[in-house]
Amino acid sequence: MIPQSIRYIIAEGNYLLLNEGRWRELHPHYDLTVMIEEPEAVLRARLEERWKGLSAEERAWKLDGNDLPNGRRVMQDSIDPDFVFHGSDM
C-alpha cells in the first residue's frame, strides 16, 4: 500500500509504455511518461559488457535471442511518451 502522503511515484521498466495487452491498462494511471532512446549499437555494446562472463553462445542468445528483440519491440510498439531523451544528450 502506498500512503496518501506520497506525492510522486517513479516507475521504471521496459514494457510500461507498450501499447498492447495488460500493459495498455496502465497508461491512464500515468501523469507523465518518458522514454530514453539509445542507438542499437550503443545498447549492443552495453549488453556485451553486461554479459561478458557468459560463453559466446550464451551471450549471443542473450543479445540476439532476447535483449535486443525485446528492445526493438518496446521501441516499435509503445505509445508516444510525453518526453523523449536521447542517451547521448544526458
C-alpha atoms as a PDB file:
ATOM      1  CA  MET A   1       0.000   0.000   0.000  1.00  0.00           C
ATOM      2  CA  ILE A   2       1.166   3.496  -0.802  1.00  0.00           C
ATOM      3  CA  PRO A   3       0.268   6.122   1.803  1.00  0.00           C
ATOM      4  CA  GLN A   4      -1.712   9.168   0.672  1.00  0.00           C
ATOM      5  CA  SER A   5       1.179  11.346   1.831  1.00  0.00           C
ATOM      6  CA  ILE A   6       3.294  10.127  -1.108  1.00  0.00           C
ATOM      7  CA  ARG A   7       3.055  12.729  -3.878  1.00  0.00           C
ATOM      8  CA  TYR A   8       5.154  11.143  -6.596  1.00  0.00           C
ATOM      9  CA  ILE A   9       5.920   7.630  -7.734  1.00  0.00           C
ATOM     10  CA  ILE A  10       8.544   6.991 -10.370  1.00  0.00           C
ATOM     11  CA  ALA A  11       8.246   3.664 -12.143  1.00  0.00           C
ATOM     12  CA  GLU A  12      10.895   2.293 -14.479  1.00  0.00           C
ATOM     13  CA  GLY A  13      10.552  -0.586 -16.868  1.00  0.00           C
ATOM     14  CA  ASN A  14      10.964  -1.546 -20.476  1.00  0.00           C
ATOM     15  CA  TYR A  15       7.347  -2.541 -21.025  1.00  0.00           C
ATOM     16  CA  LEU A  16       5.443   0.192 -19.181  1.00  0.00           C
ATOM     17  CA  LEU A  17       4.605   2.084 -22.383  1.00  0.00           C
ATOM     18  CA  LEU A  18       3.739  -0.939 -24.535  1.00  0.00           C
ATOM     19  CA  ASN A  19       0.510  -0.411 -26.408  1.00  0.00           C
ATOM     20  CA  GLU A  20      -0.690  -3.967 -26.063  1.00  0.00           C
ATOM     21  CA  GLY A  21      -2.403  -6.321 -23.668  1.00  0.00           C
ATOM     22  CA  ARG A  22      -2.472  -5.570 -19.983  1.00  0.00           C
ATOM     23  CA  TRP A  23       0.332  -3.004 -20.321  1.00  0.00           C
ATOM     24  CA  ARG A  24      -2.151  -0.700 -22.079  1.00  0.00           C
ATOM     25  CA  GLU A  25      -4.376  -0.747 -18.990  1.00  0.00           C
ATOM     26  CA  LEU A  26      -1.673   1.070 -17.008  1.00  0.00           C
ATOM     27  CA  HIS A  27      -1.492   4.122 -19.265  1.00  0.00           C
ATOM     28  CA  PRO A  28      -4.424   6.057 -17.752  1.00  0.00           C
ATOM     29  CA  HIS A  29      -2.614   5.978 -14.405  1.00  0.00           C
ATOM     30  CA  TYR A  30       0.452   7.878 -15.641  1.00  0.00           C
ATOM     31  CA  ASP A  31       0.630  11.631 -15.290  1.00  0.00           C
ATOM     32  CA  LEU A  32       3.851  11.862 -17.277  1.00  0.00           C
ATOM     33  CA  THR A  33       5.798   9.426 -19.442  1.00  0.00           C
ATOM     34  CA  VAL A  34       9.424   9.489 -20.524  1.00  0.00           C
ATOM     35  CA  MET A  35      11.441   7.265 -22.837  1.00  0.00           C
ATOM     36  CA  ILE A  36      15.210   7.187 -23.066  1.00  0.00           C
ATOM     37  CA  GLU A  37      16.382   6.228 -26.540  1.00  0.00           C
ATOM     38  CA  GLU A  38      19.781   4.885 -27.483  1.00  0.00           C
ATOM     39  CA  PRO A  39      21.048   3.674 -30.845  1.00  0.00           C
ATOM     40  CA  GLU A  40      21.016  -0.105 -31.070  1.00  0.00           C
ATOM     41  CA  ALA A  41      24.805  -0.145 -31.479  1.00  0.00           C
ATOM     42  CA  VAL A  42      25.165   1.526 -28.067  1.00  0.00           C
ATOM     43  CA  LEU A  43      22.720  -0.923 -26.497  1.00  0.00           C
ATOM     44  CA  ARG A  44      24.575  -3.863 -28.043  1.00  0.00           C
ATOM     45  CA  ALA A  45      27.909  -2.638 -26.653  1.00  0.00           C
ATOM     46  CA  ARG A  46      26.435  -2.214 -23.177  1.00  0.00           C
ATOM     47  CA  LEU A  47      24.809  -5.631 -23.301  1.00  0.00           C
ATOM     48  CA  GLU A  48      28.049  -7.216 -24.479  1.00  0.00           C
ATOM     49  CA  GLU A  49      29.714  -5.740 -21.410  1.00  0.00           C
ATOM     50  CA  ARG A  50      26.875  -6.875 -19.138  1.00  0.00           C
ATOM     51  CA  TRP A  51      27.025 -10.462 -20.376  1.00  0.00           C
ATOM     52  CA  LYS A  52      30.805 -10.757 -20.831  1.00  0.00           C
ATOM     53  CA  GLY A  53      31.024 -13.550 -18.227  1.00  0.00           C
ATOM     54  CA  LEU A  54      28.854 -15.849 -20.353  1.00  0.00           C
ATOM     55  CA  SER A  55      30.067 -18.174 -23.054  1.00  0.00           C
ATOM     56  CA  ALA A  56      29.960 -16.833 -26.613  1.00  0.00           C
ATOM     57  CA  GLU A  57      26.902 -18.979 -27.346  1.00  0.00           C
ATOM     58  CA  GLU A  58      25.041 -17.843 -24.211  1.00  0.00           C
ATOM     59  CA  ARG A  59      25.969 -14.208 -24.852  1.00  0.00           C
ATOM     60  CA  ALA A  60      24.757 -14.425 -28.470  1.00  0.00           C
ATOM     61  CA  TRP A  61      21.413 -15.819 -27.324  1.00  0.00           C
ATOM     62  CA  LYS A  62      21.015 -13.148 -24.633  1.00  0.00           C
ATOM     63  CA  LEU A  63      21.721 -10.363 -27.124  1.00  0.00           C
ATOM     64  CA  ASP A  64      20.090 -11.557 -30.329  1.00  0.00           C
ATOM     65  CA  GLY A  65      17.564 -14.015 -28.959  1.00  0.00           C
ATOM     66  CA  ASN A  66      16.240 -11.947 -26.073  1.00  0.00           C
ATOM     67  CA  ASP A  67      17.503  -8.489 -25.110  1.00  0.00           C
ATOM     68  CA  LEU A  68      17.750  -6.732 -28.481  1.00  0.00           C
ATOM     69  CA  PRO A  69      14.490  -8.199 -29.882  1.00  0.00           C
ATOM     70  CA  ASN A  70      12.731  -7.053 -26.693  1.00  0.00           C
ATOM     71  CA  GLY A  71      14.269  -3.586 -27.076  1.00  0.00           C
ATOM     72  CA  ARG A  72      13.051  -3.378 -30.680  1.00  0.00           C
ATOM     73  CA  ARG A  73       9.585  -4.418 -29.564  1.00  0.00           C
ATOM     74  CA  VAL A  74       9.499  -1.682 -26.952  1.00  0.00           C
ATOM     75  CA  MET A  75      10.671   0.954 -29.450  1.00  0.00           C
ATOM     76  CA  GLN A  76       8.173  -0.129 -32.134  1.00  0.00           C
ATOM     77  CA  ASP A  77       5.093  -0.999 -30.097  1.00  0.00           C
ATOM     78  CA  SER A  78       4.983   1.625 -27.348  1.00  0.00           C
ATOM     79  CA  ILE A  79       2.760   4.654 -27.056  1.00  0.00           C
ATOM     80  CA  ASP A  80       4.322   8.021 -27.731  1.00  0.00           C
ATOM     81  CA  PRO A  81       5.816   9.253 -24.458  1.00  0.00           C
ATOM     82  CA  ASP A  82       5.418  12.817 -23.235  1.00  0.00           C
ATOM     83  CA  PHE A  83       9.176  13.293 -23.408  1.00  0.00           C
ATOM     84  CA  VAL A  84      11.994  11.516 -25.203  1.00  0.00           C
ATOM     85  CA  PHE A  85      15.564  11.806 -24.022  1.00  0.00           C
ATOM     86  CA  HIS A  86      18.470  10.603 -26.084  1.00  0.00           C
ATOM     87  CA  GLY A  87      21.201   8.954 -24.056  1.00  0.00           C
ATOM     88  CA  SER A  88      23.821  10.978 -25.884  1.00  0.00           C
ATOM     89  CA  ASP A  89      22.116  14.148 -24.607  1.00  0.00           C
ATOM     90  CA  MET A  90      22.354  13.092 -20.956  1.00  0.00           C
END
